[in-house]
PDB file of N, CA and C in Angstrom:
ATOM      1  N   MET A   1    -134.147  29.248  -8.742  1.00  0.00           N
ATOM      2  CA  MET A   1    -134.540  30.710  -9.112  1.00  0.00           C
ATOM      3  C   MET A   1    -132.821  31.876  -9.456  1.00  0.00           C
ATOM      4  N   ILE A   2    -132.387  31.371  -8.385  1.00  0.00           N
ATOM      5  CA  ILE A   2    -130.760  32.054  -8.050  1.00  0.00           C
ATOM      6  C   ILE A   2    -130.255  32.355  -9.459  1.00  0.00           C
ATOM      7  N   LEU A   3    -130.282  30.799 -10.161  1.00  0.00           N
ATOM      8  CA  LEU A   3    -130.006  30.669 -10.572  1.00  0.00           C
ATOM      9  C   LEU A   3    -130.096  31.575 -11.848  1.00  0.00           C
ATOM     10  N   SER A   4    -131.618  30.732 -12.647  1.00  0.00           N
ATOM     11  CA  SER A   4    -132.140  32.019 -13.636  1.00  0.00           C
ATOM     12  C   SER A   4    -131.555  33.523 -13.322  1.00  0.00           C
ATOM     13  N   GLU A   5    -131.384  34.106 -12.483  1.00  0.00           N
ATOM     14  CA  GLU A   5    -131.347  35.433 -12.260  1.00  0.00           C
ATOM     15  C   GLU A   5    -129.991  36.228 -12.573  1.00  0.00           C
ATOM     16  N   LEU A   6    -129.179  35.043 -12.382  1.00  0.00           N
ATOM     17  CA  LEU A   6    -127.671  35.411 -12.609  1.00  0.00           C
ATOM     18  C   LEU A   6    -127.478  34.787 -13.746  1.00  0.00           C
ATOM     19  N   LYS A   7    -127.577  33.422 -14.669  1.00  0.00           N
ATOM     20  CA  LYS A   7    -127.655  33.870 -16.139  1.00  0.00           C
ATOM     21  C   LYS A   7    -127.988  34.713 -16.209  1.00  0.00           C
ATOM     22  N   MET A   8    -129.176  35.598 -16.443  1.00  0.00           N
ATOM     23  CA  MET A   8    -129.520  36.892 -16.822  1.00  0.00           C
ATOM     24  C   MET A   8    -129.160  37.973 -16.858  1.00  0.00           C
ATOM     25  N   ILE A   9    -128.438  37.973 -15.648  1.00  0.00           N
ATOM     26  CA  ILE A   9    -127.920  39.227 -15.004  1.00  0.00           C
ATOM     27  C   ILE A   9    -126.271  39.036 -16.194  1.00  0.00           C
ATOM     28  N   ILE A  10    -125.639  37.688 -16.307  1.00  0.00           N
ATOM     29  CA  ILE A  10    -124.533  37.646 -17.496  1.00  0.00           C
ATOM     30  C   ILE A  10    -124.765  37.645 -18.141  1.00  0.00           C
ATOM     31  N   LYS A  11    -126.218  37.588 -18.838  1.00  0.00           N
ATOM     32  CA  LYS A  11    -125.933  37.565 -20.513  1.00  0.00           C
ATOM     33  C   LYS A  11    -126.592  39.785 -21.157  1.00  0.00           C
ATOM     34  N   GLU A  12    -127.203  39.782 -19.572  1.00  0.00           N
ATOM     35  CA  GLU A  12    -126.903  41.724 -19.654  1.00  0.00           C
ATOM     36  C   GLU A  12    -125.916  42.490 -19.707  1.00  0.00           C
ATOM     37  N   ASN A  13    -125.094  41.865 -18.703  1.00  0.00           N
ATOM     38  CA  ASN A  13    -123.705  43.038 -18.818  1.00  0.00           C
ATOM     39  C   ASN A  13    -122.194  42.936 -19.192  1.00  0.00           C
ATOM     40  N   ASN A  14    -122.418  41.220 -20.040  1.00  0.00           N
ATOM     41  CA  ASN A  14    -121.170  40.810 -20.748  1.00  0.00           C
ATOM     42  C   ASN A  14    -119.754  40.624 -19.922  1.00  0.00           C
ATOM     43  N   MET A  15    -120.349  40.034 -18.871  1.00  0.00           N
ATOM     44  CA  MET A  15    -119.082  39.917 -17.733  1.00  0.00           C
ATOM     45  C   MET A  15    -118.317  40.924 -17.702  1.00  0.00           C
ATOM     46  N   GLU A  16    -117.858  42.047 -18.033  1.00  0.00           N
ATOM     47  CA  GLU A  16    -117.037  43.205 -18.064  1.00  0.00           C
ATOM     48  C   GLU A  16    -116.955  43.763 -16.271  1.00  0.00           C
ATOM     49  N   ASP A  17    -117.867  43.780 -15.866  1.00  0.00           N
ATOM     50  CA  ASP A  17    -118.121  43.805 -13.966  1.00  0.00           C
ATOM     51  C   ASP A  17    -117.598  42.793 -13.336  1.00  0.00           C
ATOM     52  N   PHE A  18    -117.587  41.469 -13.425  1.00  0.00           N
ATOM     53  CA  PHE A  18    -117.143  40.079 -13.137  1.00  0.00           C
ATOM     54  C   PHE A  18    -115.563  40.365 -13.536  1.00  0.00           C
ATOM     55  N   LEU A  19    -115.115  40.820 -14.222  1.00  0.00           N
ATOM     56  CA  LEU A  19    -113.846  40.150 -14.917  1.00  0.00           C
ATOM     57  C   LEU A  19    -112.968  41.921 -14.376  1.00  0.00           C
ATOM     58  N   ILE A  20    -113.743  42.767 -14.172  1.00  0.00           N
ATOM     59  CA  ILE A  20    -113.441  43.778 -12.812  1.00  0.00           C
ATOM     60  C   ILE A  20    -112.748  43.795 -11.423  1.00  0.00           C
ATOM     61  N   GLY A  21    -113.868  42.463 -11.481  1.00  0.00           N
ATOM     62  CA  GLY A  21    -113.752  41.667  -9.696  1.00  0.00           C
ATOM     63  C   GLY A  21    -112.813  41.288  -9.772  1.00  0.00           C
ATOM     64  N   LEU A  22    -112.256  40.452 -10.728  1.00  0.00           N
ATOM     65  CA  LEU A  22    -110.903  39.852 -10.520  1.00  0.00           C
ATOM     66  C   LEU A  22    -109.634  40.600 -11.057  1.00  0.00           C
ATOM     67  N   GLY A  23    -109.966  41.634 -11.005  1.00  0.00           N
ATOM     68  CA  GLY A  23    -108.564  41.952 -10.942  1.00  0.00           C
ATOM     69  C   GLY A  23    -108.461  41.898  -9.764  1.00  0.00           C
ATOM     70  N   LEU A  24    -108.552  41.890  -8.702  1.00  0.00           N
ATOM     71  CA  LEU A  24    -108.059  42.012  -7.425  1.00  0.00           C
ATOM     72  C   LEU A  24    -107.277  40.742  -7.249  1.00  0.00           C
ATOM     73  N   LEU A  25    -106.785  39.769  -7.834  1.00  0.00           N
ATOM     74  CA  LEU A  25    -106.646  39.016  -7.922  1.00  0.00           C
ATOM     75  C   LEU A  25    -104.928  38.946  -7.919  1.00  0.00           C
ATOM     76  N   PRO A  26    -104.832  39.347  -8.557  1.00  0.00           N
ATOM     77  CA  PRO A  26    -103.144  39.636  -8.702  1.00  0.00           C
ATOM     78  C   PRO A  26    -102.333  40.617  -7.699  1.00  0.00           C
ATOM     79  N   LEU A  27    -103.195  41.135  -6.775  1.00  0.00           N
ATOM     80  CA  LEU A  27    -102.862  42.731  -5.691  1.00  0.00           C
ATOM     81  C   LEU A  27    -102.938  40.657  -4.666  1.00  0.00           C
ATOM     82  N   LEU A  28    -103.797  40.457  -4.238  1.00  0.00           N
ATOM     83  CA  LEU A  28    -103.770  39.259  -3.643  1.00  0.00           C
ATOM     84  C   LEU A  28    -102.793  38.600  -3.381  1.00  0.00           C
ATOM     85  N   ILE A  29    -102.146  37.776  -4.672  1.00  0.00           N
ATOM     86  CA  ILE A  29    -101.463  36.816  -4.341  1.00  0.00           C
ATOM     87  C   ILE A  29    -100.089  38.136  -4.556  1.00  0.00           C
ATOM     88  N   LEU A  30     -99.911  39.084  -5.173  1.00  0.00           N
ATOM     89  CA  LEU A  30     -98.968  39.739  -4.280  1.00  0.00           C
ATOM     90  C   LEU A  30     -98.263  40.030  -2.936  1.00  0.00           C
ATOM     91  N   VAL A  31     -99.926  40.592  -2.117  1.00  0.00           N
ATOM     92  CA  VAL A  31     -99.500  40.445  -0.887  1.00  0.00           C
ATOM     93  C   VAL A  31     -99.464  39.005  -0.126  1.00  0.00           C
ATOM     94  N   ASN A  32     -99.309  37.792  -0.872  1.00  0.00           N
ATOM     95  CA  ASN A  32     -99.148  36.626  -0.479  1.00  0.00           C
ATOM     96  C   ASN A  32     -97.554  36.909  -0.303  1.00  0.00           C
ATOM     97  N   TYR A  33     -96.929  36.733  -1.005  1.00  0.00           N
ATOM     98  CA  TYR A  33     -95.836  36.668  -1.161  1.00  0.00           C
ATOM     99  C   TYR A  33     -94.973  38.238  -0.357  1.00  0.00           C
ATOM    100  N   VAL A  34     -95.514  38.984  -0.515  1.00  0.00           N
ATOM    101  CA  VAL A  34     -95.227  39.533   0.353  1.00  0.00           C
ATOM    102  C   VAL A  34     -95.482  39.237   1.953  1.00  0.00           C
ATOM    103  N   VAL A  35     -96.499  38.751   2.291  1.00  0.00           N
ATOM    104  CA  VAL A  35     -96.283  38.011   4.144  1.00  0.00           C
ATOM    105  C   VAL A  35     -95.268  36.774   3.731  1.00  0.00           C
ATOM    106  N   LEU A  36     -95.133  35.490   2.598  1.00  0.00           N
ATOM    107  CA  LEU A  36     -93.869  34.778   2.525  1.00  0.00           C
ATOM    108  C   LEU A  36     -92.781  35.415   2.969  1.00  0.00           C
ATOM    109  N   ALA A  37     -92.730  36.582   2.673  1.00  0.00           N
ATOM    110  CA  ALA A  37     -91.341  37.189   2.813  1.00  0.00           C
ATOM    111  C   ALA A  37     -90.939  37.735   3.885  1.00  0.00           C
ATOM    112  N   LEU A  38     -91.826  37.869   4.754  1.00  0.00           N
ATOM    113  CA  LEU A  38     -91.564  38.657   5.952  1.00  0.00           C
ATOM    114  C   LEU A  38     -92.106  37.297   7.099  1.00  0.00           C
ATOM    115  N   CYS A  39     -92.046  35.999   6.725  1.00  0.00           N
ATOM    116  CA  CYS A  39     -92.532  34.897   7.561  1.00  0.00           C
ATOM    117  C   CYS A  39     -90.688  34.635   7.466  1.00  0.00           C
ATOM    118  N   LYS A  40     -89.962  34.849   6.611  1.00  0.00           N
ATOM    119  CA  LYS A  40     -88.827  33.898   6.310  1.00  0.00           C
ATOM    120  C   LYS A  40     -87.784  34.595   6.905  1.00  0.00           C
ATOM    121  N   PHE A  41     -88.073  36.278   6.888  1.00  0.00           N
ATOM    122  CA  PHE A  41     -87.189  37.444   7.413  1.00  0.00           C
ATOM    123  C   PHE A  41     -87.446  37.501   8.961  1.00  0.00           C
ATOM    124  N   PHE A  42     -88.831  36.994   9.915  1.00  0.00           N
ATOM    125  CA  PHE A  42     -88.825  37.068  10.837  1.00  0.00           C
ATOM    126  C   PHE A  42     -89.227  35.877  11.524  1.00  0.00           C
ATOM    127  N   PRO A  43     -88.403  34.446  11.297  1.00  0.00           N
ATOM    128  CA  PRO A  43     -88.861  32.922  11.691  1.00  0.00           C
ATOM    129  C   PRO A  43     -89.551  32.681  13.099  1.00  0.00           C
ATOM    130  N   LYS A  44     -88.873  33.811  14.459  1.00  0.00           N
ATOM    131  CA  LYS A  44     -89.651  33.039  15.146  1.00  0.00           C
ATOM    132  C   LYS A  44     -90.994  33.857  15.515  1.00  0.00           C
ATOM    133  N   HIS A  45     -90.879  35.284  14.346  1.00  0.00           N
ATOM    134  CA  HIS A  45     -92.152  35.689  14.909  1.00  0.00           C
ATOM    135  C   HIS A  45     -93.518  34.951  13.693  1.00  0.00           C
ATOM    136  N   ILE A  46     -93.381  33.860  13.208  1.00  0.00           N
ATOM    137  CA  ILE A  46     -94.126  33.656  12.403  1.00  0.00           C
ATOM    138  C   ILE A  46     -95.781  33.798  12.492  1.00  0.00           C
ATOM    139  N   LEU A  47     -95.920  33.198  14.326  1.00  0.00           N
ATOM    140  CA  LEU A  47     -97.376  33.084  14.030  1.00  0.00           C
ATOM    141  C   LEU A  47     -98.650  34.483  14.080  1.00  0.00           C
ATOM    142  N   SER A  48     -97.785  35.850  14.337  1.00  0.00           N
ATOM    143  CA  SER A  48     -98.119  36.868  14.629  1.00  0.00           C
ATOM    144  C   SER A  48     -97.858  37.592  13.120  1.00  0.00           C
ATOM    145  N   MET A  49     -97.510  36.600  12.102  1.00  0.00           N
ATOM    146  CA  MET A  49     -98.067  37.101  10.864  1.00  0.00           C
ATOM    147  C   MET A  49     -99.088  36.818  10.101  1.00  0.00           C
ATOM    148  N   ALA A  50    -100.093  36.037  10.740  1.00  0.00           N
ATOM    149  CA  ALA A  50    -101.343  36.177  10.781  1.00  0.00           C
ATOM    150  C   ALA A  50    -102.611  37.503  11.060  1.00  0.00           C
ATOM    151  N   SER A  51    -102.261  38.121  11.898  1.00  0.00           N
ATOM    152  CA  SER A  51    -102.685  39.489  12.080  1.00  0.00           C
ATOM    153  C   SER A  51    -102.284  40.508  10.963  1.00  0.00           C
ATOM    154  N   VAL A  52    -101.052  40.344  10.234  1.00  0.00           N
ATOM    155  CA  VAL A  52    -100.222  41.017   8.719  1.00  0.00           C
ATOM    156  C   VAL A  52    -101.030  41.116   7.874  1.00  0.00           C
ATOM    157  N   MET A  53    -101.342  39.170   7.626  1.00  0.00           N
ATOM    158  CA  MET A  53    -101.613  39.178   6.430  1.00  0.00           C
ATOM    159  C   MET A  53    -103.276  39.413   6.748  1.00  0.00           C
ATOM    160  N   ILE A  54    -104.135  39.193   7.490  1.00  0.00           N
ATOM    161  CA  ILE A  54    -105.617  39.213   7.327  1.00  0.00           C
ATOM    162  C   ILE A  54    -105.563  41.156   7.034  1.00  0.00           C
ATOM    163  N   GLY A  55    -104.839  41.521   7.837  1.00  0.00           N
ATOM    164  CA  GLY A  55    -105.066  43.034   7.781  1.00  0.00           C
ATOM    165  C   GLY A  55    -104.720  43.662   6.186  1.00  0.00           C
ATOM    166  N   LEU A  56    -103.318  43.410   5.786  1.00  0.00           N
ATOM    167  CA  LEU A  56    -103.062  43.409   4.149  1.00  0.00           C
ATOM    168  C   LEU A  56    -104.239  43.115   3.414  1.00  0.00           C
ATOM    169  N   ASP A  57    -104.965  42.192   3.734  1.00  0.00           N
ATOM    170  CA  ASP A  57    -105.956  41.315   1.899  1.00  0.00           C
ATOM    171  C   ASP A  57    -106.630  42.583   2.720  1.00  0.00           C
ATOM    172  N   THR A  58    -106.949  42.719   4.045  1.00  0.00           N
ATOM    173  CA  THR A  58    -108.183  43.977   3.881  1.00  0.00           C
ATOM    174  C   THR A  58    -108.450  44.812   3.619  1.00  0.00           C
ATOM    175  N   ILE A  59    -106.877  45.246   3.357  1.00  0.00           N
ATOM    176  CA  ILE A  59    -107.028  46.811   2.849  1.00  0.00           C
ATOM    177  C   ILE A  59    -106.487  46.858   1.263  1.00  0.00           C
ATOM    178  N   MET A  60    -106.055  45.597   0.842  1.00  0.00           N
ATOM    179  CA  MET A  60    -105.989  45.983  -0.662  1.00  0.00           C
ATOM    180  C   MET A  60    -107.388  45.661  -1.173  1.00  0.00           C
ATOM    181  N   THR A  61    -108.425  44.656  -0.212  1.00  0.00           N
ATOM    182  CA  THR A  61    -109.652  44.536  -0.997  1.00  0.00           C
ATOM    183  C   THR A  61    -110.451  45.497  -0.580  1.00  0.00           C
ATOM    184  N   LEU A  62    -110.692  46.244  -0.061  1.00  0.00           N
ATOM    185  CA  LEU A  62    -111.431  47.203   0.302  1.00  0.00           C
ATOM    186  C   LEU A  62    -111.125  48.335  -0.540  1.00  0.00           C
ATOM    187  N   GLY A  63    -109.374  48.968  -0.555  1.00  0.00           N
ATOM    188  CA  GLY A  63    -108.864  49.445  -1.560  1.00  0.00           C
ATOM    189  C   GLY A  63    -109.793  49.950  -2.666  1.00  0.00           C
ATOM    190  N   TYR A  64    -109.422  48.271  -3.233  1.00  0.00           N
ATOM    191  CA  TYR A  64    -110.057  48.190  -4.535  1.00  0.00           C
ATOM    192  C   TYR A  64    -111.425  48.202  -4.891  1.00  0.00           C
ATOM    193  N   THR A  65    -111.803  47.467  -4.120  1.00  0.00           N
ATOM    194  CA  THR A  65    -113.848  47.034  -3.895  1.00  0.00           C
ATOM    195  C   THR A  65    -114.130  48.964  -4.346  1.00  0.00           C
ATOM    196  N   PHE A  66    -113.054  50.041  -3.157  1.00  0.00           N
ATOM    197  CA  PHE A  66    -114.147  51.051  -3.296  1.00  0.00           C
ATOM    198  C   PHE A  66    -113.312  51.625  -4.456  1.00  0.00           C
ATOM    199  N   THR A  67    -112.207  51.984  -4.789  1.00  0.00           N
ATOM    200  CA  THR A  67    -112.149  52.178  -5.677  1.00  0.00           C
ATOM    201  C   THR A  67    -112.503  52.239  -7.205  1.00  0.00           C
ATOM    202  N   ALA A  68    -112.591  50.257  -7.341  1.00  0.00           N
ATOM    203  CA  ALA A  68    -113.409  49.864  -9.028  1.00  0.00           C
ATOM    204  C   ALA A  68    -114.566  49.967  -9.199  1.00  0.00           C
ATOM    205  N   LYS A  69    -115.455  50.740  -7.979  1.00  0.00           N
ATOM    206  CA  LYS A  69    -116.743  50.491  -7.582  1.00  0.00           C
ATOM    207  C   LYS A  69    -117.248  51.860  -8.792  1.00  0.00           C
ATOM    208  N   ALA A  70    -116.527  52.990  -8.847  1.00  0.00           N
ATOM    209  CA  ALA A  70    -116.848  53.987  -9.911  1.00  0.00           C
ATOM    210  C   ALA A  70    -116.939  53.296 -10.889  1.00  0.00           C
ATOM    211  N   PHE A  71    -116.300  52.399 -11.438  1.00  0.00           N
ATOM    212  CA  PHE A  71    -116.089  52.320 -13.116  1.00  0.00           C
ATOM    213  C   PHE A  71    -116.928  50.823 -13.528  1.00  0.00           C
ATOM    214  N   ILE A  72    -117.722  50.276 -12.676  1.00  0.00           N
ATOM    215  CA  ILE A  72    -118.851  49.329 -12.794  1.00  0.00           C
ATOM    216  C   ILE A  72    -120.179  49.730 -13.376  1.00  0.00           C
ATOM    217  N   SER A  73    -121.068  49.067 -13.760  1.00  0.00           N
ATOM    218  CA  SER A  73    -122.387  48.775 -13.809  1.00  0.00           C
ATOM    219  C   SER A  73    -123.245  48.524 -12.674  1.00  0.00           C
ATOM    220  N   ASP A  74    -122.749  46.981 -12.223  1.00  0.00           N
ATOM    221  CA  ASP A  74    -123.654  46.127 -11.839  1.00  0.00           C
ATOM    222  C   ASP A  74    -123.016  45.448 -10.456  1.00  0.00           C
ATOM    223  N   ILE A  75    -122.873  45.950  -8.989  1.00  0.00           N
ATOM    224  CA  ILE A  75    -122.398  45.543  -8.411  1.00  0.00           C
ATOM    225  C   ILE A  75    -122.316  43.820  -8.176  1.00  0.00           C
ATOM    226  N   LYS A  76    -123.352  43.394  -8.293  1.00  0.00           N
ATOM    227  CA  LYS A  76    -123.470  42.071  -8.175  1.00  0.00           C
ATOM    228  C   LYS A  76    -122.649  41.192  -8.774  1.00  0.00           C
ATOM    229  N   LEU A  77    -121.939  41.632 -10.572  1.00  0.00           N
ATOM    230  CA  LEU A  77    -121.373  40.791 -10.455  1.00  0.00           C
ATOM    231  C   LEU A  77    -119.471  40.744 -10.429  1.00  0.00           C
ATOM    232  N   MET A  78    -119.491  42.173 -10.276  1.00  0.00           N
ATOM    233  CA  MET A  78    -118.172  42.702  -9.006  1.00  0.00           C
ATOM    234  C   MET A  78    -117.778  41.563  -7.807  1.00  0.00           C
ATOM    235  N   VAL A  79    -118.926  42.532  -6.589  1.00  0.00           N
ATOM    236  CA  VAL A  79    -118.562  41.276  -5.747  1.00  0.00           C
ATOM    237  C   VAL A  79    -118.686  39.617  -6.159  1.00  0.00           C
ATOM    238  N   GLY A  80    -119.116  39.311  -7.156  1.00  0.00           N
ATOM    239  CA  GLY A  80    -118.902  38.044  -7.560  1.00  0.00           C
ATOM    240  C   GLY A  80    -117.495  37.439  -8.079  1.00  0.00           C
ATOM    241  N   GLY A  81    -116.952  38.069  -8.610  1.00  0.00           N
ATOM    242  CA  GLY A  81    -115.573  38.594  -8.797  1.00  0.00           C
ATOM    243  C   GLY A  81    -114.828  39.111  -8.028  1.00  0.00           C
ATOM    244  N   ILE A  82    -114.944  39.937  -7.192  1.00  0.00           N
ATOM    245  CA  ILE A  82    -113.955  39.614  -5.863  1.00  0.00           C
ATOM    246  C   ILE A  82    -114.217  38.850  -5.063  1.00  0.00           C
ATOM    247  N   GLY A  83    -115.242  37.977  -4.604  1.00  0.00           N
ATOM    248  CA  GLY A  83    -115.360  36.707  -4.113  1.00  0.00           C
ATOM    249  C   GLY A  83    -114.879  35.997  -4.476  1.00  0.00           C
ATOM    250  N   PHE A  84    -114.519  35.316  -6.020  1.00  0.00           N
ATOM    251  CA  PHE A  84    -113.942  34.421  -6.682  1.00  0.00           C
ATOM    252  C   PHE A  84    -112.457  34.500  -6.315  1.00  0.00           C
ATOM    253  N   SER A  85    -111.872  36.424  -6.506  1.00  0.00           N
ATOM    254  CA  SER A  85    -110.849  36.293  -6.508  1.00  0.00           C
ATOM    255  C   SER A  85    -110.325  35.837  -5.214  1.00  0.00           C
ATOM    256  N   ILE A  86    -110.911  36.475  -3.828  1.00  0.00           N
ATOM    257  CA  ILE A  86    -110.529  35.870  -2.751  1.00  0.00           C
ATOM    258  C   ILE A  86    -110.448  34.428  -2.736  1.00  0.00           C
ATOM    259  N   PHE A  87    -111.153  33.748  -2.775  1.00  0.00           N
ATOM    260  CA  PHE A  87    -111.070  32.275  -2.953  1.00  0.00           C
ATOM    261  C   PHE A  87    -109.978  31.978  -4.096  1.00  0.00           C
ATOM    262  N   ALA A  88    -109.529  32.436  -4.409  1.00  0.00           N
ATOM    263  CA  ALA A  88    -108.549  31.489  -5.790  1.00  0.00           C
ATOM    264  C   ALA A  88    -106.935  32.041  -4.995  1.00  0.00           C
ATOM    265  N   ALA A  89    -106.919  33.795  -4.494  1.00  0.00           N
ATOM    266  CA  ALA A  89    -105.753  33.917  -3.482  1.00  0.00           C
ATOM    267  C   ALA A  89    -105.566  33.107  -2.132  1.00  0.00           C
ATOM    268  N   LEU A  90    -106.493  32.892  -1.600  1.00  0.00           N
ATOM    269  CA  LEU A  90    -106.833  31.859  -0.773  1.00  0.00           C
ATOM    270  C   LEU A  90    -105.726  30.677  -1.064  1.00  0.00           C
ATOM    271  N   ALA A  91    -106.814  29.493  -2.034  1.00  0.00           N
ATOM    272  CA  ALA A  91    -106.121  28.589  -2.095  1.00  0.00           C
ATOM    273  C   ALA A  91    -104.824  28.479  -2.700  1.00  0.00           C
ATOM    274  N   HIS A  92    -104.402  30.060  -3.116  1.00  0.00           N
ATOM    275  CA  HIS A  92    -102.505  29.722  -3.563  1.00  0.00           C
ATOM    276  C   HIS A  92    -102.222  29.940  -2.204  1.00  0.00           C
ATOM    277  N   LYS A  93    -102.548  30.687  -1.586  1.00  0.00           N
ATOM    278  CA  LYS A  93    -101.766  31.211  -0.151  1.00  0.00           C
ATOM    279  C   LYS A  93    -101.727  29.738   0.407  1.00  0.00           C
ATOM    280  N   VAL A  94    -102.605  28.774   0.508  1.00  0.00           N
ATOM    281  CA  VAL A  94    -102.601  27.877   1.256  1.00  0.00           C
ATOM    282  C   VAL A  94    -101.505  26.844   0.604  1.00  0.00           C
ATOM    283  N   LEU A  95    -101.308  26.358  -0.360  1.00  0.00           N
ATOM    284  CA  LEU A  95    -100.548  25.995  -1.640  1.00  0.00           C
ATOM    285  C   LEU A  95     -99.188  26.459  -1.294  1.00  0.00           C
ATOM    286  N   THR A  96     -98.786  27.624  -1.343  1.00  0.00           N
ATOM    287  CA  THR A  96     -97.323  28.282  -1.910  1.00  0.00           C
ATOM    288  C   THR A  96     -96.848  28.725  -0.241  1.00  0.00           C
ATOM    289  N   PHE A  97     -97.950  28.097   1.073  1.00  0.00           N
ATOM    290  CA  PHE A  97     -96.948  28.225   2.425  1.00  0.00           C
ATOM    291  C   PHE A  97     -96.317  27.258   2.768  1.00  0.00           C
ATOM    292  N   ILE A  98     -97.461  25.956   2.187  1.00  0.00           N
ATOM    293  CA  ILE A  98     -97.588  24.611   2.642  1.00  0.00           C
ATOM    294  C   ILE A  98     -96.181  24.166   1.826  1.00  0.00           C
ATOM    295  N   LYS A  99     -96.051  24.592   0.701  1.00  0.00           N
ATOM    296  CA  LYS A  99     -94.364  23.827   0.307  1.00  0.00           C
ATOM    297  C   LYS A  99     -93.608  25.010   0.702  1.00  0.00           C
ATOM    298  N   GLU A 100     -92.940  26.064   0.831  1.00  0.00           N
ATOM    299  CA  GLU A 100     -92.133  27.211   1.258  1.00  0.00           C
ATOM    300  C   GLU A 100     -91.805  27.093   2.548  1.00  0.00           C
ATOM    301  N   LEU A 101     -93.064  26.997   3.502  1.00  0.00           N
ATOM    302  CA  LEU A 101     -92.685  27.000   4.747  1.00  0.00           C
ATOM    303  C   LEU A 101     -92.782  25.735   5.509  1.00  0.00           C
ATOM    304  N   GLY A 102     -92.841  24.284   4.743  1.00  0.00           N
ATOM    305  CA  GLY A 102     -92.699  23.194   5.281  1.00  0.00           C
ATOM    306  C   GLY A 102     -91.112  22.940   4.771  1.00  0.00           C
ATOM    307  N   GLU A 103     -90.127  23.629   4.088  1.00  0.00           N
ATOM    308  CA  GLU A 103     -89.154  23.603   3.811  1.00  0.00           C
ATOM    309  C   GLU A 103     -87.941  24.692   4.634  1.00  0.00           C
ATOM    310  N   LEU A 104     -88.658  25.336   5.152  1.00  0.00           N
ATOM    311  CA  LEU A 104     -88.553  26.617   6.055  1.00  0.00           C
ATOM    312  C   LEU A 104     -88.151  25.897   7.394  1.00  0.00           C
ATOM    313  N   ASN A 105     -89.345  25.179   7.849  1.00  0.00           N
ATOM    314  CA  ASN A 105     -88.570  24.962   9.182  1.00  0.00           C
ATOM    315  C   ASN A 105     -89.254  23.014   8.906  1.00  0.00           C
ATOM    316  N   LYS A 106     -87.749  23.083   7.989  1.00  0.00           N
ATOM    317  CA  LYS A 106     -88.437  21.002   7.777  1.00  0.00           C
ATOM    318  C   LYS A 106     -87.019  20.899   8.870  1.00  0.00           C
ATOM    319  N   HIS A 107     -86.192  21.557   9.649  1.00  0.00           N
ATOM    320  CA  HIS A 107     -85.494  20.706  10.915  1.00  0.00           C
ATOM    321  C   HIS A 107     -86.474  20.746  12.211  1.00  0.00           C
ATOM    322  N   GLU A 108     -87.456  21.547  12.765  1.00  0.00           N
ATOM    323  CA  GLU A 108     -88.192  21.613  13.556  1.00  0.00           C
ATOM    324  C   GLU A 108     -89.223  20.654  13.461  1.00  0.00           C
ATOM    325  N   ILE A 109     -89.422  19.800  12.169  1.00  0.00           N
ATOM    326  CA  ILE A 109     -90.231  19.170  12.025  1.00  0.00           C
ATOM    327  C   ILE A 109     -90.105  17.940  12.075  1.00  0.00           C
ATOM    328  N   GLY A 110     -88.851  17.498  12.414  1.00  0.00           N
ATOM    329  CA  GLY A 110     -88.337  15.749  12.408  1.00  0.00           C
ATOM    330  C   GLY A 110     -88.053  14.755  11.068  1.00  0.00           C
ATOM    331  N   ASN A 111     -87.853  15.609  10.114  1.00  0.00           N
ATOM    332  CA  ASN A 111     -88.294  15.333   8.720  1.00  0.00           C
ATOM    333  C   ASN A 111     -86.561  15.540   8.297  1.00  0.00           C
TER     334      ASN A 111
END
């Protein structure tokens, strides 16, 4: 039932609102690189960067959502695009941090 409703919504609105929701993805990836630079700049305070990361992601997401809300006709598609952006940014964050911080902390791991 939900899938058929989603197909009907997608056909009616031509996916423009979903693409507007996807516009959040470059902003979240930019935040990932800012937090990564902060982690490299303050390596002793790397555990406290989690709260900075959550705060910056929240500010960017809410700011973008309330700004883009004026340009859409269907909030469900925009929320779907924002959800996909958050998921893709999280996958990017995990892969980037594993690669970069693994090299940064190589001497502490023992490899």
